[in-house]
Amino acid sequence: MATAYDIIIRPVITERAMSGAADKKYVFEVAKDAGKIEIKKAVEEIFGVKVASVNTLIVPGKEKRLGAGRPGMTKEWKKADVQLTADSKTIEFFEGMV
């Protein structure tokens, strides 16, 4: 059985992801085999918050050059958009980044 730290790989810190932090919306890179219920439980366990909803999507890999014109691909990964409940506290990790 995977632990919560195996499911949540890292937070996604981009300008678009940080704009949702004011509305208690956060973005994480998660394990590809993790389901929405597992992601919800992992976020609640790690950060001590209440999760209202989880949306997931697979981000496809991009084609990149590797050296002298050799084609290659970046890895595809799974992204989770997490919406916290209105009465939940915010995640302190994201404070001060906006």
PDB file of N, CA and C in Angstrom:
ATOM      1  N   MET A   1       0.840  -1.180   0.000  1.00  0.00           N
ATOM      2  CA  MET A   1       0.000   0.000   0.000  1.00  0.00           C
ATOM      3  C   MET A   1       0.886   1.245   0.000  1.00  0.00           C
ATOM      4  N   ALA A   2       0.567   2.195  -0.836  1.00  0.00           N
ATOM      5  CA  ALA A   2       1.357   3.413  -0.968  1.00  0.00           C
ATOM      6  C   ALA A   2       1.035   4.379   0.173  1.00  0.00           C
ATOM      7  N   THR A   3       2.055   5.070   0.636  1.00  0.00           N
ATOM      8  CA  THR A   3       1.844   6.080   1.665  1.00  0.00           C
ATOM      9  C   THR A   3       1.387   7.371   1.001  1.00  0.00           C
ATOM     10  N   ALA A   4       0.986   8.332   1.815  1.00  0.00           N
ATOM     11  CA  ALA A   4       0.529   9.621   1.285  1.00  0.00           C
ATOM     12  C   ALA A   4       1.652  10.331   0.550  1.00  0.00           C
ATOM     13  N   TYR A   5       2.885  10.139   0.999  1.00  0.00           N
ATOM     14  CA  TYR A   5       4.027  10.794   0.365  1.00  0.00           C
ATOM     15  C   TYR A   5       4.425  10.118  -0.940  1.00  0.00           C
ATOM     16  N   ASP A   6       3.982   8.865  -1.162  1.00  0.00           N
ATOM     17  CA  ASP A   6       4.186   8.213  -2.458  1.00  0.00           C
ATOM     18  C   ASP A   6       3.163   8.702  -3.478  1.00  0.00           C
ATOM     19  N   ILE A   7       1.996   9.118  -3.026  1.00  0.00           N
ATOM     20  CA  ILE A   7       0.929   9.571  -3.920  1.00  0.00           C
ATOM     21  C   ILE A   7       1.165  11.010  -4.353  1.00  0.00           C
ATOM     22  N   ILE A   8       1.438  11.910  -3.400  1.00  0.00           N
ATOM     23  CA  ILE A   8       1.700  13.316  -3.716  1.00  0.00           C
ATOM     24  C   ILE A   8       3.196  13.449  -3.984  1.00  0.00           C
ATOM     25  N   ILE A   9       3.571  13.712  -5.240  1.00  0.00           N
ATOM     26  CA  ILE A   9       4.987  13.793  -5.594  1.00  0.00           C
ATOM     27  C   ILE A   9       5.543  15.177  -5.298  1.00  0.00           C
ATOM     28  N   ARG A  10       4.892  16.224  -5.807  1.00  0.00           N
ATOM     29  CA  ARG A  10       5.374  17.586  -5.574  1.00  0.00           C
ATOM     30  C   ARG A  10       4.262  18.569  -5.884  1.00  0.00           C
ATOM     31  N   PRO A  11       4.318  19.760  -5.294  1.00  0.00           N
ATOM     32  CA  PRO A  11       3.369  20.807  -5.694  1.00  0.00           C
ATOM     33  C   PRO A  11       3.818  21.422  -7.020  1.00  0.00           C
ATOM     34  N   VAL A  12       2.864  21.871  -7.814  1.00  0.00           N
ATOM     35  CA  VAL A  12       3.172  22.555  -9.064  1.00  0.00           C
ATOM     36  C   VAL A  12       3.152  24.051  -8.765  1.00  0.00           C
ATOM     37  N   ILE A  13       4.297  24.703  -8.951  1.00  0.00           N
ATOM     38  CA  ILE A  13       4.425  26.120  -8.624  1.00  0.00           C
ATOM     39  C   ILE A  13       4.620  26.881  -9.927  1.00  0.00           C
ATOM     40  N   THR A  14       3.512  27.291 -10.519  1.00  0.00           N
ATOM     41  CA  THR A  14       3.525  28.110 -11.718  1.00  0.00           C
ATOM     42  C   THR A  14       2.643  29.327 -11.457  1.00  0.00           C
ATOM     43  N   GLU A  15       2.716  30.289 -12.346  1.00  0.00           N
ATOM     44  CA  GLU A  15       1.909  31.491 -12.165  1.00  0.00           C
ATOM     45  C   GLU A  15       0.420  31.155 -12.190  1.00  0.00           C
ATOM     46  N   ARG A  16       0.027  30.280 -13.074  1.00  0.00           N
ATOM     47  CA  ARG A  16      -1.379  29.902 -13.174  1.00  0.00           C
ATOM     48  C   ARG A  16      -1.838  29.120 -11.937  1.00  0.00           C
ATOM     49  N   ALA A  17      -1.002  28.230 -11.453  1.00  0.00           N
ATOM     50  CA  ALA A  17      -1.358  27.451 -10.268  1.00  0.00           C
ATOM     51  C   ALA A  17      -1.440  28.333  -9.029  1.00  0.00           C
ATOM     52  N   MET A  18      -0.560  29.320  -8.924  1.00  0.00           N
ATOM     53  CA  MET A  18      -0.554  30.197  -7.759  1.00  0.00           C
ATOM     54  C   MET A  18      -1.736  31.166  -7.758  1.00  0.00           C
ATOM     55  N   SER A  19      -2.298  31.466  -8.926  1.00  0.00           N
ATOM     56  CA  SER A  19      -3.443  32.371  -8.964  1.00  0.00           C
ATOM     57  C   SER A  19      -4.677  31.753  -8.305  1.00  0.00           C
ATOM     58  N   GLY A  20      -4.759  30.437  -8.260  1.00  0.00           N
ATOM     59  CA  GLY A  20      -5.887  29.767  -7.614  1.00  0.00           C
ATOM     60  C   GLY A  20      -5.730  29.603  -6.121  1.00  0.00           C
ATOM     61  N   ALA A  21      -4.551  29.902  -5.571  1.00  0.00           N
ATOM     62  CA  ALA A  21      -4.313  29.707  -4.137  1.00  0.00           C
ATOM     63  C   ALA A  21      -5.193  30.613  -3.282  1.00  0.00           C
ATOM     64  N   ALA A  22      -5.567  31.781  -3.799  1.00  0.00           N
ATOM     65  CA  ALA A  22      -6.442  32.682  -3.045  1.00  0.00           C
ATOM     66  C   ALA A  22      -7.835  32.081  -2.867  1.00  0.00           C
ATOM     67  N   ASP A  23      -8.257  31.238  -3.805  1.00  0.00           N
ATOM     68  CA  ASP A  23      -9.564  30.574  -3.739  1.00  0.00           C
ATOM     69  C   ASP A  23      -9.477  29.169  -3.153  1.00  0.00           C
ATOM     70  N   LYS A  24      -8.339  28.857  -2.519  1.00  0.00           N
ATOM     71  CA  LYS A  24      -8.085  27.544  -1.922  1.00  0.00           C
ATOM     72  C   LYS A  24      -8.077  26.433  -2.961  1.00  0.00           C
ATOM     73  N   LYS A  25      -7.495  26.723  -4.131  1.00  0.00           N
ATOM     74  CA  LYS A  25      -7.296  25.724  -5.180  1.00  0.00           C
ATOM     75  C   LYS A  25      -5.800  25.503  -5.329  1.00  0.00           C
ATOM     76  N   TYR A  26      -5.379  24.255  -5.241  1.00  0.00           N
ATOM     77  CA  TYR A  26      -3.958  23.927  -5.301  1.00  0.00           C
ATOM     78  C   TYR A  26      -3.727  22.851  -6.347  1.00  0.00           C
ATOM     79  N   VAL A  27      -2.510  22.821  -6.890  1.00  0.00           N
ATOM     80  CA  VAL A  27      -2.161  21.885  -7.955  1.00  0.00           C
ATOM     81  C   VAL A  27      -0.968  21.057  -7.502  1.00  0.00           C
ATOM     82  N   PHE A  28      -1.064  19.729  -7.703  1.00  0.00           N
ATOM     83  CA  PHE A  28       0.001  18.817  -7.313  1.00  0.00           C
ATOM     84  C   PHE A  28       0.307  17.857  -8.452  1.00  0.00           C
ATOM     85  N   GLU A  29       1.569  17.432  -8.543  1.00  0.00           N
ATOM     86  CA  GLU A  29       1.918  16.287  -9.387  1.00  0.00           C
ATOM     87  C   GLU A  29       1.717  15.057  -8.524  1.00  0.00           C
ATOM     88  N   VAL A  30       1.008  14.070  -9.054  1.00  0.00           N
ATOM     89  CA  VAL A  30       0.682  12.882  -8.278  1.00  0.00           C
ATOM     90  C   VAL A  30       1.125  11.636  -9.033  1.00  0.00           C
ATOM     91  N   ALA A  31       1.100  10.510  -8.346  1.00  0.00           N
ATOM     92  CA  ALA A  31       1.453   9.235  -8.962  1.00  0.00           C
ATOM     93  C   ALA A  31       0.441   8.901 -10.058  1.00  0.00           C
ATOM     94  N   LYS A  32       0.926   8.313 -11.161  1.00  0.00           N
ATOM     95  CA  LYS A  32       0.050   8.047 -12.300  1.00  0.00           C
ATOM     96  C   LYS A  32      -1.045   7.040 -11.983  1.00  0.00           C
ATOM     97  N   ASP A  33      -0.807   6.142 -11.042  1.00  0.00           N
ATOM     98  CA  ASP A  33      -1.807   5.123 -10.732  1.00  0.00           C
ATOM     99  C   ASP A  33      -2.727   5.523  -9.576  1.00  0.00           C
ATOM    100  N   ALA A  34      -2.596   6.750  -9.075  1.00  0.00           N
ATOM    101  CA  ALA A  34      -3.414   7.203  -7.942  1.00  0.00           C
ATOM    102  C   ALA A  34      -4.794   7.646  -8.426  1.00  0.00           C
ATOM    103  N   GLY A  35      -5.821   7.286  -7.682  1.00  0.00           N
ATOM    104  CA  GLY A  35      -7.177   7.697  -7.987  1.00  0.00           C
ATOM    105  C   GLY A  35      -7.548   8.953  -7.204  1.00  0.00           C
ATOM    106  N   LYS A  36      -8.717   9.502  -7.516  1.00  0.00           N
ATOM    107  CA  LYS A  36      -9.148  10.746  -6.875  1.00  0.00           C
ATOM    108  C   LYS A  36      -9.341  10.585  -5.365  1.00  0.00           C
ATOM    109  N   ILE A  37      -9.882   9.452  -4.948  1.00  0.00           N
ATOM    110  CA  ILE A  37     -10.118   9.220  -3.526  1.00  0.00           C
ATOM    111  C   ILE A  37      -8.793   9.100  -2.780  1.00  0.00           C
ATOM    112  N   GLU A  38      -7.806   8.423  -3.383  1.00  0.00           N
ATOM    113  CA  GLU A  38      -6.493   8.301  -2.759  1.00  0.00           C
ATOM    114  C   GLU A  38      -5.804   9.656  -2.656  1.00  0.00           C
ATOM    115  N   ILE A  39      -5.938  10.479  -3.690  1.00  0.00           N
ATOM    116  CA  ILE A  39      -5.335  11.812  -3.689  1.00  0.00           C
ATOM    117  C   ILE A  39      -5.971  12.671  -2.598  1.00  0.00           C
ATOM    118  N   LYS A  40      -7.299  12.599  -2.480  1.00  0.00           N
ATOM    119  CA  LYS A  40      -8.008  13.364  -1.454  1.00  0.00           C
ATOM    120  C   LYS A  40      -7.532  12.978  -0.056  1.00  0.00           C
ATOM    121  N   LYS A  41      -7.440  11.688   0.217  1.00  0.00           N
ATOM    122  CA  LYS A  41      -6.998  11.226   1.537  1.00  0.00           C
ATOM    123  C   LYS A  41      -5.554  11.618   1.811  1.00  0.00           C
ATOM    124  N   ALA A  42      -4.705  11.570   0.780  1.00  0.00           N
ATOM    125  CA  ALA A  42      -3.293  11.916   0.960  1.00  0.00           C
ATOM    126  C   ALA A  42      -3.124  13.400   1.287  1.00  0.00           C
ATOM    127  N   VAL A  43      -3.845  14.279   0.584  1.00  0.00           N
ATOM    128  CA  VAL A  43      -3.748  15.720   0.852  1.00  0.00           C
ATOM    129  C   VAL A  43      -4.277  16.029   2.247  1.00  0.00           C
ATOM    130  N   GLU A  44      -5.381  15.407   2.631  1.00  0.00           N
ATOM    131  CA  GLU A  44      -5.934  15.626   3.966  1.00  0.00           C
ATOM    132  C   GLU A  44      -4.973  15.142   5.052  1.00  0.00           C
ATOM    133  N   GLU A  45      -4.301  14.032   4.812  1.00  0.00           N
ATOM    134  CA  GLU A  45      -3.368  13.487   5.807  1.00  0.00           C
ATOM    135  C   GLU A  45      -2.103  14.334   5.924  1.00  0.00           C
ATOM    136  N   ILE A  46      -1.542  14.755   4.796  1.00  0.00           N
ATOM    137  CA  ILE A  46      -0.272  15.491   4.823  1.00  0.00           C
ATOM    138  C   ILE A  46      -0.455  16.904   5.370  1.00  0.00           C
ATOM    139  N   PHE A  47      -1.472  17.622   4.873  1.00  0.00           N
ATOM    140  CA  PHE A  47      -1.618  19.035   5.206  1.00  0.00           C
ATOM    141  C   PHE A  47      -2.660  19.314   6.278  1.00  0.00           C
ATOM    142  N   GLY A  48      -3.467  18.340   6.682  1.00  0.00           N
ATOM    143  CA  GLY A  48      -4.465  18.546   7.727  1.00  0.00           C
ATOM    144  C   GLY A  48      -5.578  19.482   7.307  1.00  0.00           C
ATOM    145  N   VAL A  49      -6.076  19.353   6.090  1.00  0.00           N
ATOM    146  CA  VAL A  49      -7.138  20.196   5.555  1.00  0.00           C
ATOM    147  C   VAL A  49      -8.305  19.319   5.115  1.00  0.00           C
ATOM    148  N   LYS A  50      -9.433  19.958   4.769  1.00  0.00           N
ATOM    149  CA  LYS A  50     -10.589  19.245   4.225  1.00  0.00           C
ATOM    150  C   LYS A  50     -10.670  19.522   2.726  1.00  0.00           C
ATOM    151  N   VAL A  51     -10.758  18.467   1.930  1.00  0.00           N
ATOM    152  CA  VAL A  51     -10.793  18.591   0.472  1.00  0.00           C
ATOM    153  C   VAL A  51     -12.234  18.476  -0.004  1.00  0.00           C
ATOM    154  N   ALA A  52     -12.665  19.432  -0.839  1.00  0.00           N
ATOM    155  CA  ALA A  52     -14.013  19.400  -1.393  1.00  0.00           C
ATOM    156  C   ALA A  52     -14.053  18.577  -2.676  1.00  0.00           C
ATOM    157  N   SER A  53     -13.097  18.797  -3.585  1.00  0.00           N
ATOM    158  CA  SER A  53     -13.107  18.057  -4.846  1.00  0.00           C
ATOM    159  C   SER A  53     -11.696  17.917  -5.388  1.00  0.00           C
ATOM    160  N   VAL A  54     -11.529  16.910  -6.237  1.00  0.00           N
ATOM    161  CA  VAL A  54     -10.253  16.647  -6.896  1.00  0.00           C
ATOM    162  C   VAL A  54     -10.524  16.415  -8.376  1.00  0.00           C
ATOM    163  N   ASN A  55      -9.814  17.133  -9.234  1.00  0.00           N
ATOM    164  CA  ASN A  55      -9.864  16.909 -10.682  1.00  0.00           C
ATOM    165  C   ASN A  55      -8.477  16.480 -11.120  1.00  0.00           C
ATOM    166  N   THR A  56      -8.407  15.461 -11.971  1.00  0.00           N
ATOM    167  CA  THR A  56      -7.113  14.965 -12.422  1.00  0.00           C
ATOM    168  C   THR A  56      -7.048  14.977 -13.935  1.00  0.00           C
ATOM    169  N   LEU A  57      -5.811  15.057 -14.441  1.00  0.00           N
ATOM    170  CA  LEU A  57      -5.586  14.924 -15.873  1.00  0.00           C
ATOM    171  C   LEU A  57      -4.165  14.453 -16.106  1.00  0.00           C
ATOM    172  N   ILE A  58      -3.969  13.794 -17.232  1.00  0.00           N
ATOM    173  CA  ILE A  58      -2.653  13.337 -17.643  1.00  0.00           C
ATOM    174  C   ILE A  58      -2.064  14.399 -18.558  1.00  0.00           C
ATOM    175  N   VAL A  59      -0.896  14.912 -18.190  1.00  0.00           N
ATOM    176  CA  VAL A  59      -0.203  15.903 -19.001  1.00  0.00           C
ATOM    177  C   VAL A  59       0.690  15.138 -19.968  1.00  0.00           C
ATOM    178  N   PRO A  60       0.450  15.245 -21.279  1.00  0.00           N
ATOM    179  CA  PRO A  60       1.251  14.464 -22.236  1.00  0.00           C
ATOM    180  C   PRO A  60       2.677  14.986 -22.328  1.00  0.00           C
ATOM    181  N   GLY A  61       3.597  14.090 -22.685  1.00  0.00           N
ATOM    182  CA  GLY A  61       4.989  14.470 -22.865  1.00  0.00           C
ATOM    183  C   GLY A  61       5.167  15.284 -24.136  1.00  0.00           C
ATOM    184  N   LYS A  62       6.196  16.128 -24.139  1.00  0.00           N
ATOM    185  CA  LYS A  62       6.483  16.960 -25.302  1.00  0.00           C
ATOM    186  C   LYS A  62       7.670  16.386 -26.056  1.00  0.00           C
ATOM    187  N   GLU A  63       7.695  16.622 -27.355  1.00  0.00           N
ATOM    188  CA  GLU A  63       8.836  16.193 -28.148  1.00  0.00           C
ATOM    189  C   GLU A  63       9.970  17.190 -27.976  1.00  0.00           C
ATOM    190  N   LYS A  64      11.141  16.691 -27.675  1.00  0.00           N
ATOM    191  CA  LYS A  64      12.323  17.528 -27.461  1.00  0.00           C
ATOM    192  C   LYS A  64      13.478  16.972 -28.273  1.00  0.00           C
ATOM    193  N   ARG A  65      14.436  17.858 -28.575  1.00  0.00           N
ATOM    194  CA  ARG A  65      15.664  17.428 -29.234  1.00  0.00           C
ATOM    195  C   ARG A  65      16.663  16.994 -28.183  1.00  0.00           C
ATOM    196  N   LEU A  66      17.382  15.935 -28.475  1.00  0.00           N
ATOM    197  CA  LEU A  66      18.429  15.463 -27.585  1.00  0.00           C
ATOM    198  C   LEU A  66      19.745  15.483 -28.348  1.00  0.00           C
ATOM    199  N   GLY A  67      20.457  16.584 -28.277  1.00  0.00           N
ATOM    200  CA  GLY A  67      21.744  16.660 -28.955  1.00  0.00           C
ATOM    201  C   GLY A  67      21.597  17.005 -30.424  1.00  0.00           C
ATOM    202  N   ALA A  68      22.267  16.263 -31.272  1.00  0.00           N
ATOM    203  CA  ALA A  68      22.361  16.580 -32.702  1.00  0.00           C
ATOM    204  C   ALA A  68      21.123  16.116 -33.455  1.00  0.00           C
ATOM    205  N   GLY A  69      19.991  16.694 -33.138  1.00  0.00           N
ATOM    206  CA  GLY A  69      18.772  16.421 -33.885  1.00  0.00           C
ATOM    207  C   GLY A  69      18.079  15.118 -33.555  1.00  0.00           C
ATOM    208  N   ARG A  70      18.560  14.398 -32.559  1.00  0.00           N
ATOM    209  CA  ARG A  70      17.902  13.140 -32.208  1.00  0.00           C
ATOM    210  C   ARG A  70      16.605  13.447 -31.471  1.00  0.00           C
ATOM    211  N   PRO A  71      15.494  12.913 -31.902  1.00  0.00           N
ATOM    212  CA  PRO A  71      14.223  13.212 -31.215  1.00  0.00           C
ATOM    213  C   PRO A  71      14.113  12.453 -29.893  1.00  0.00           C
ATOM    214  N   GLY A  72      13.429  13.067 -28.974  1.00  0.00           N
ATOM    215  CA  GLY A  72      13.172  12.457 -27.681  1.00  0.00           C
ATOM    216  C   GLY A  72      11.866  13.006 -27.131  1.00  0.00           C
ATOM    217  N   MET A  73      11.435  12.457 -26.039  1.00  0.00           N
ATOM    218  CA  MET A  73      10.178  12.896 -25.427  1.00  0.00           C
ATOM    219  C   MET A  73      10.405  13.132 -23.936  1.00  0.00           C
ATOM    220  N   THR A  74       9.720  14.153 -23.398  1.00  0.00           N
ATOM    221  CA  THR A  74       9.682  14.314 -21.953  1.00  0.00           C
ATOM    222  C   THR A  74       8.637  13.343 -21.416  1.00  0.00           C
ATOM    223  N   LYS A  75       8.686  13.052 -20.147  1.00  0.00           N
ATOM    224  CA  LYS A  75       7.748  12.074 -19.581  1.00  0.00           C
ATOM    225  C   LYS A  75       6.361  12.686 -19.454  1.00  0.00           C
ATOM    226  N   GLU A  76       5.351  11.831 -19.534  1.00  0.00           N
ATOM    227  CA  GLU A  76       4.007  12.307 -19.236  1.00  0.00           C
ATOM    228  C   GLU A  76       3.762  12.091 -17.750  1.00  0.00           C
ATOM    229  N   TRP A  77       2.935  12.962 -17.160  1.00  0.00           N
ATOM    230  CA  TRP A  77       2.717  12.915 -15.721  1.00  0.00           C
ATOM    231  C   TRP A  77       1.274  13.260 -15.419  1.00  0.00           C
ATOM    232  N   LYS A  78       0.864  12.947 -14.195  1.00  0.00           N
ATOM    233  CA  LYS A  78      -0.514  13.172 -13.774  1.00  0.00           C
ATOM    234  C   LYS A  78      -0.578  14.382 -12.864  1.00  0.00           C
ATOM    235  N   LYS A  79      -1.538  15.260 -13.146  1.00  0.00           N
ATOM    236  CA  LYS A  79      -1.730  16.491 -12.386  1.00  0.00           C
ATOM    237  C   LYS A  79      -3.070  16.427 -11.673  1.00  0.00           C
ATOM    238  N   ALA A  80      -3.103  16.893 -10.431  1.00  0.00           N
ATOM    239  CA  ALA A  80      -4.337  16.925  -9.651  1.00  0.00           C
ATOM    240  C   ALA A  80      -4.615  18.355  -9.207  1.00  0.00           C
ATOM    241  N   ASP A  81      -5.817  18.851  -9.530  1.00  0.00           N
ATOM    242  CA  ASP A  81      -6.287  20.147  -9.056  1.00  0.00           C
ATOM    243  C   ASP A  81      -7.167  19.877  -7.838  1.00  0.00           C
ATOM    244  N   VAL A  82      -6.761  20.397  -6.695  1.00  0.00           N
ATOM    245  CA  VAL A  82      -7.437  20.117  -5.423  1.00  0.00           C
ATOM    246  C   VAL A  82      -8.142  21.380  -4.947  1.00  0.00           C
ATOM    247  N   GLN A  83      -9.455  21.293  -4.685  1.00  0.00           N
ATOM    248  CA  GLN A  83     -10.252  22.400  -4.155  1.00  0.00           C
ATOM    249  C   GLN A  83     -10.571  22.090  -2.702  1.00  0.00           C
ATOM    250  N   LEU A  84     -10.193  22.997  -1.801  1.00  0.00           N
ATOM    251  CA  LEU A  84     -10.481  22.816  -0.382  1.00  0.00           C
ATOM    252  C   LEU A  84     -11.865  23.362  -0.056  1.00  0.00           C
ATOM    253  N   THR A  85     -12.436  22.913   1.066  1.00  0.00           N
ATOM    254  CA  THR A  85     -13.731  23.411   1.498  1.00  0.00           C
ATOM    255  C   THR A  85     -13.583  24.845   2.007  1.00  0.00           C
ATOM    256  N   ALA A  86     -14.695  25.554   2.092  1.00  0.00           N
ATOM    257  CA  ALA A  86     -14.668  26.960   2.505  1.00  0.00           C
ATOM    258  C   ALA A  86     -14.232  27.109   3.959  1.00  0.00           C
ATOM    259  N   ASP A  87     -14.592  26.147   4.825  1.00  0.00           N
ATOM    260  CA  ASP A  87     -14.235  26.258   6.238  1.00  0.00           C
ATOM    261  C   ASP A  87     -12.872  25.657   6.559  1.00  0.00           C
ATOM    262  N   SER A  88     -12.171  25.146   5.568  1.00  0.00           N
ATOM    263  CA  SER A  88     -10.858  24.552   5.772  1.00  0.00           C
ATOM    264  C   SER A  88      -9.787  25.630   5.856  1.00  0.00           C
ATOM    265  N   LYS A  89      -8.710  25.310   6.573  1.00  0.00           N
ATOM    266  CA  LYS A  89      -7.584  26.248   6.622  1.00  0.00           C
ATOM    267  C   LYS A  89      -6.804  26.162   5.312  1.00  0.00           C
ATOM    268  N   THR A  90      -5.958  27.147   5.052  1.00  0.00           N
ATOM    269  CA  THR A  90      -5.150  27.132   3.838  1.00  0.00           C
ATOM    270  C   THR A  90      -3.910  26.271   4.058  1.00  0.00           C
ATOM    271  N   ILE A  91      -3.259  25.918   2.979  1.00  0.00           N
ATOM    272  CA  ILE A  91      -2.017  25.150   3.065  1.00  0.00           C
ATOM    273  C   ILE A  91      -0.870  26.138   3.222  1.00  0.00           C
ATOM    274  N   GLU A  92      -0.147  26.054   4.329  1.00  0.00           N
ATOM    275  CA  GLU A  92       0.895  27.022   4.647  1.00  0.00           C
ATOM    276  C   GLU A  92       2.046  26.993   3.656  1.00  0.00           C
ATOM    277  N   PHE A  93       2.238  25.853   2.988  1.00  0.00           N
ATOM    278  CA  PHE A  93       3.337  25.715   2.040  1.00  0.00           C
ATOM    279  C   PHE A  93       3.249  26.750   0.919  1.00  0.00           C
ATOM    280  N   PHE A  94       2.041  27.108   0.524  1.00  0.00           N
ATOM    281  CA  PHE A  94       1.834  28.010  -0.600  1.00  0.00           C
ATOM    282  C   PHE A  94       1.756  29.483  -0.186  1.00  0.00           C
ATOM    283  N   GLU A  95       1.708  29.783   1.108  1.00  0.00           N
ATOM    284  CA  GLU A  95       1.604  31.175   1.542  1.00  0.00           C
ATOM    285  C   GLU A  95       2.909  31.897   1.286  1.00  0.00           C
ATOM    286  N   GLY A  96       2.816  33.150   0.852  1.00  0.00           N
ATOM    287  CA  GLY A  96       3.993  33.948   0.580  1.00  0.00           C
ATOM    288  C   GLY A  96       4.566  33.756  -0.800  1.00  0.00           C
ATOM    289  N   MET A  97       3.981  32.886  -1.618  1.00  0.00           N
ATOM    290  CA  MET A  97       4.483  32.651  -2.969  1.00  0.00           C
ATOM    291  C   MET A  97       3.721  33.458  -4.010  1.00  0.00           C
ATOM    292  N   VAL A  98       2.584  33.985  -3.619  1.00  0.00           N
ATOM    293  CA  VAL A  98       1.758  34.724  -4.589  1.00  0.00           C
ATOM    294  C   VAL A  98       2.205  36.162  -4.651  1.00  0.00           C
TER     295      VAL A  98
END
